[in-house]
Protein backbone atom coordinates (compact mmCIF):
# COMPACT_ATOMS: atom_id res chain seq x y z
CA MET A 1 -0.06 0.22 0.13
CA PRO A 2 1.59 3.41 -0.73
CA VAL A 3 2.64 5.54 2.22
CA LEU A 4 3.47 9.08 2.78
CA SER A 5 7.03 9.97 4.08
CA THR A 6 4.99 10.18 7.33
CA GLY A 7 4.31 6.63 7.34
CA THR A 8 0.53 7.04 7.20
CA PRO A 9 -1.17 4.61 4.57
CA LEU A 10 -3.01 6.09 1.65
CA PRO A 11 -6.91 5.60 2.24
CA ASP A 12 -8.70 4.13 -1.03
CA ARG A 13 -10.95 6.50 -2.82
CA GLU A 14 -14.08 4.96 -1.73
CA GLU A 15 -13.02 5.71 1.79
CA VAL A 16 -12.19 9.23 1.45
CA LEU A 17 -15.57 9.77 -0.27
CA GLY A 18 -17.19 8.00 2.80
CA GLN A 19 -15.93 10.27 5.38
CA ALA A 20 -18.88 11.30 7.04
CA ILE A 21 -19.71 14.17 9.71
CA PRO A 22 -22.49 14.30 11.89
CA PHE A 23 -24.76 17.56 11.86
CA ASP A 24 -27.66 19.14 13.70
CA ARG A 25 -30.24 20.57 11.18
CA ALA A 26 -32.05 22.57 13.72
CA ARG A 27 -28.94 24.29 14.85
CA TRP A 28 -28.18 25.55 11.33
CA LEU A 29 -31.57 26.48 9.87
CA PRO A 30 -32.14 29.49 11.99
CA LEU A 31 -28.65 31.01 11.23
CA LEU A 32 -28.99 30.78 7.45
CA PRO A 33 -29.90 33.66 5.39
CA ASP A 34 -33.24 32.04 4.78
CA PRO A 35 -34.31 28.29 4.54
CA THR A 36 -33.58 28.22 0.64
CA TRP A 37 -30.06 28.01 1.59
CA TRP A 38 -30.49 24.41 2.75
CA PRO A 39 -29.72 21.75 0.19
CA GLY A 40 -32.38 19.11 0.24
CA GLU A 41 -29.60 16.49 -0.04
CA LEU A 42 -28.71 16.69 3.60
CA ASP A 43 -32.26 15.86 4.78
CA SER A 44 -31.34 12.53 3.15
CA CYS A 45 -28.39 11.39 4.72
CA PRO A 46 -28.34 8.35 6.82
CA THR A 47 -28.79 8.34 10.73
CA VAL A 48 -25.93 7.11 13.08
CA ALA A 49 -26.46 6.95 16.73
CA GLY A 50 -29.10 9.44 16.42
CA ARG A 51 -27.60 11.99 14.22
CA PRO A 52 -27.59 12.32 10.69
CA ARG A 53 -24.10 12.20 8.88
CA VAL A 54 -23.13 14.03 5.62
CA ASP A 55 -19.96 12.18 3.67
CA ARG A 56 -17.91 13.86 0.91
CA ALA A 57 -19.83 11.99 -1.78
CA THR A 58 -23.30 13.86 -1.02
CA VAL A 59 -21.35 17.33 -0.84
CA PHE A 60 -19.73 16.41 -4.35
CA ARG A 61 -23.32 15.77 -5.57
CA ILE A 62 -24.52 18.95 -4.33
CA ALA A 63 -21.30 20.96 -5.70
CA ARG A 64 -22.31 19.49 -9.30
CA ARG A 65 -25.16 22.17 -9.17
CA SER A 66 -22.82 25.32 -8.11
CA ASP A 67 -23.09 26.56 -11.87
CA THR A 68 -26.51 28.39 -10.65
CA ALA A 69 -26.86 30.91 -7.67
CA GLU A 70 -28.82 28.56 -5.57
CA GLY A 71 -26.34 25.78 -6.12
CA ARG A 72 -23.38 27.81 -5.11
CA ARG A 73 -25.63 28.71 -1.87
CA HIS A 74 -26.00 24.97 -1.27
CA LEU A 75 -22.55 24.32 -1.77
CA LEU A 76 -21.30 26.60 0.74
CA THR A 77 -23.72 25.55 3.34
CA ALA A 78 -22.92 21.88 2.71
CA ALA A 79 -19.21 22.48 2.90
CA LEU A 80 -19.65 24.58 6.38
CA VAL A 81 -22.01 21.42 7.64
CA TRP A 82 -19.24 18.77 6.48
CA GLY A 83 -16.55 20.80 8.18
CA THR A 84 -18.16 21.61 11.34
CA GLY A 85 -19.84 18.79 13.42
CA THR A 86 -22.75 19.18 15.78
CA ARG A 87 -21.57 21.32 18.69
CA ALA A 88 -23.60 24.53 19.42
CA ARG A 89 -20.52 26.70 19.68
CA SER A 90 -19.01 25.46 16.51
CA VAL A 91 -21.95 25.63 14.35
CA ALA A 92 -22.70 29.26 15.74
CA ARG A 93 -18.97 30.23 14.97
CA ARG A 94 -19.16 28.86 11.27
CA ALA A 95 -22.55 30.43 10.53
CA ARG A 96 -21.10 34.06 11.44
CA VAL A 97 -20.23 33.78 7.52
CA PHE A 98 -24.08 34.38 7.05
CA GLY A 99 -24.61 36.84 9.69
CA GLU A 100 -21.82 39.28 8.90
CA SER A 101 -22.26 39.44 5.08
CA SER A 102 -25.47 40.17 3.03
CA ALA A 103 -26.80 37.30 0.88
CA GLU A 104 -26.10 39.60 -2.39
CA ASP A 105 -22.50 40.05 -1.02
CA ILE A 106 -21.88 36.48 -0.58
CA ASP A 107 -23.44 35.38 -3.79
CA ALA A 108 -21.00 37.98 -5.67
CA ARG A 109 -17.97 36.89 -4.23
CA LEU A 110 -18.98 33.02 -4.56
CA THR A 111 -19.66 33.52 -8.17
CA SER A 112 -16.52 35.63 -8.69
CA ALA A 113 -14.26 32.91 -6.92
CA LEU A 114 -15.69 29.82 -8.32
CA THR A 115 -15.74 31.32 -12.00
CA THR A 116 -11.94 31.79 -11.24
CA LEU A 117 -11.50 28.28 -10.44
CA GLN A 118 -13.53 27.18 -13.44
CA GLU A 119 -11.30 29.42 -15.69
CA GLN A 120 -8.04 29.88 -14.24
CA GLY A 121 -7.62 26.86 -11.53
CA ALA A 122 -7.24 26.19 -8.01
CA VAL A 123 -4.25 28.61 -7.40
CA ALA A 124 -5.77 31.58 -8.84
CA ALA A 125 -9.11 30.68 -6.94
CA TYR A 126 -7.29 30.46 -3.77
CA PHE A 127 -6.06 33.97 -4.25
CA ALA A 128 -9.36 35.20 -5.24
CA PHE A 129 -11.00 34.07 -2.13
CA ASN A 130 -8.32 35.05 0.13
CA ASN A 131 -7.89 38.83 -1.41
CA ASP A 132 -10.55 40.45 -3.38
CA GLN A 133 -13.57 37.97 -3.35
CA TRP A 134 -12.94 37.12 0.87
CA ILE A 135 -16.08 36.56 2.65
CA LYS A 136 -15.99 37.60 6.19
CA TYR A 137 -15.37 34.99 8.51
CA LEU A 138 -14.79 32.57 5.64
CA GLY A 139 -11.15 31.58 6.14
CA PRO A 140 -8.71 29.13 4.10
CA ALA A 141 -9.76 26.23 6.14
CA PHE A 142 -13.51 26.46 5.00
CA PHE A 143 -13.18 28.34 1.54
CA THR A 144 -10.44 25.47 0.48
CA LYS A 145 -13.37 22.98 1.33
CA VAL A 146 -15.62 24.96 -1.09
CA LEU A 147 -12.72 24.87 -4.00
CA TYR A 148 -12.26 21.51 -3.08
CA PHE A 149 -15.79 20.17 -3.69
CA ALA A 150 -16.44 22.45 -6.61
CA GLY A 151 -13.25 21.46 -8.61
CA HIS A 152 -11.73 18.35 -7.51
CA GLU A 153 -14.16 16.33 -9.97
CA ARG A 154 -13.22 18.83 -12.58
CA PRO A 155 -9.77 20.18 -12.40
CA VAL A 156 -8.80 23.15 -14.57
CA GLY A 157 -4.93 23.58 -15.02
CA PRO A 158 -2.13 21.52 -13.20
CA PHE A 159 -3.92 21.21 -9.69
CA ARG A 160 -7.15 19.74 -8.38
CA PRO A 161 -7.87 22.09 -5.38
CA LEU A 162 -7.51 20.41 -1.86
CA ILE A 163 -8.45 21.10 1.59
CA LEU A 164 -5.86 23.09 3.71
CA ASP A 165 -6.85 23.23 7.33
CA SER A 166 -4.65 23.44 10.81
CA VAL A 167 -4.79 19.74 10.92
CA VAL A 168 -3.36 19.14 7.51
CA ALA A 169 -0.81 22.01 8.19
CA ARG A 170 0.33 20.24 11.09
CA ALA A 171 1.21 17.22 9.12
CA LEU A 172 3.02 19.21 6.50
CA ARG A 173 5.37 20.42 9.23
CA SER A 174 6.36 16.85 9.68
CA ALA A 175 6.15 15.76 6.16
CA ASP A 176 7.53 18.96 4.39
CA ALA A 177 10.69 20.21 6.31
CA ASP A 178 12.14 22.45 3.83
CA VAL A 179 9.64 25.41 4.57
CA ARG A 180 7.52 26.72 7.55
CA TRP A 181 4.01 25.43 8.06
CA PRO A 182 1.99 27.90 10.30
CA GLY A 183 -1.20 26.82 11.80
CA GLY A 184 -3.37 29.40 9.62
CA GLY A 185 -2.96 32.31 7.25
CA TRP A 186 -1.48 30.57 4.46
CA THR A 187 -0.33 32.59 1.61
CA THR A 188 -1.38 31.72 -2.01
CA PRO A 189 2.55 30.36 -2.45
CA ARG A 190 2.13 28.04 0.33
CA TYR A 191 -1.27 26.61 -1.02
CA LYS A 192 0.43 26.37 -4.24
CA ARG A 193 3.17 24.44 -2.49
CA TYR A 194 0.76 22.11 -0.84
CA LEU A 195 -0.90 21.14 -4.15
CA SER A 196 2.31 20.23 -5.76
CA LEU A 197 3.56 18.22 -3.01
CA ALA A 198 0.27 16.54 -2.63
CA HIS A 199 -0.11 16.19 -6.43
CA ASP A 200 3.51 14.79 -6.83
CA HIS A 201 3.02 12.21 -4.19
CA ALA A 202 -0.57 11.39 -5.70
CA HIS A 203 1.18 10.52 -9.27
CA ARG A 204 3.83 8.53 -7.94
CA ALA A 205 1.26 6.52 -5.61
CA GLY A 206 -1.21 6.20 -8.65
CA VAL A 207 -4.07 7.88 -6.45
CA LEU A 208 -6.17 11.04 -6.72
CA PRO A 209 -4.63 13.95 -4.54
CA ASP A 210 -7.57 14.13 -2.04
CA GLN A 211 -6.50 10.67 -1.02
CA VAL A 212 -3.08 12.19 -0.04
CA GLU A 213 -4.97 15.05 1.77
CA ALA A 214 -7.06 12.46 3.82
CA ALA A 215 -3.60 10.77 4.87
CA LEU A 216 -2.28 14.02 5.68
CA PHE A 217 -5.35 14.87 7.93
CA ARG A 218 -5.07 11.61 9.68
CA HIS A 219 -1.43 11.86 10.40
CA GLY A 220 -2.29 15.54 11.82
CA LYS A 221 -4.69 14.12 14.15
CA ARG A 222 -2.19 12.01 15.43
CA LEU A 223 0.38 14.74 16.33
CA ARG A 224 -1.93 16.60 18.54
């Protein structure tokens, strides 16, 4: 089985797509601009131990509709839900995205950044989301989730977008000794380096880049 330099086994593709996170619909709905921002696919998710769980495969299905304004809203909501879990404090923190900007402003910035993704690729879209198209309280850890789900299946340019959060960065500190990997605030060149490293490893291992990202995430969890 292919391994990272950290020694972490690479998960197979089905394992990556099946990564599921529990969520609480009742906590999210009052915090959305209105109920139409909630994607219906989330209401069909399986329940485990009394909680519905959304997996990557479901968010990818939602992302396939991101060529419309409603689809982009649903993608943003689904990416936030998948990345947050059920704790009330965590949900409230993530949902500040909706409370601090108008729906029209979020729509415009999402549209611009995702158009950049479709036309110029992952690195340019990262720059857009991190600069002119920044949505207040939507930092790299979560806007890279939006980019990942919107573009990993339909890559433009040399790189498929990948998720970069503090857990992945923690793993990169041990896997990539040549540069400093802070816990947040990653520049566009840092994101490009991460994509390059992950894609190179994926190519050599004969897997998709998000399998490398998932392995880095697992390794980062163990480093706490």
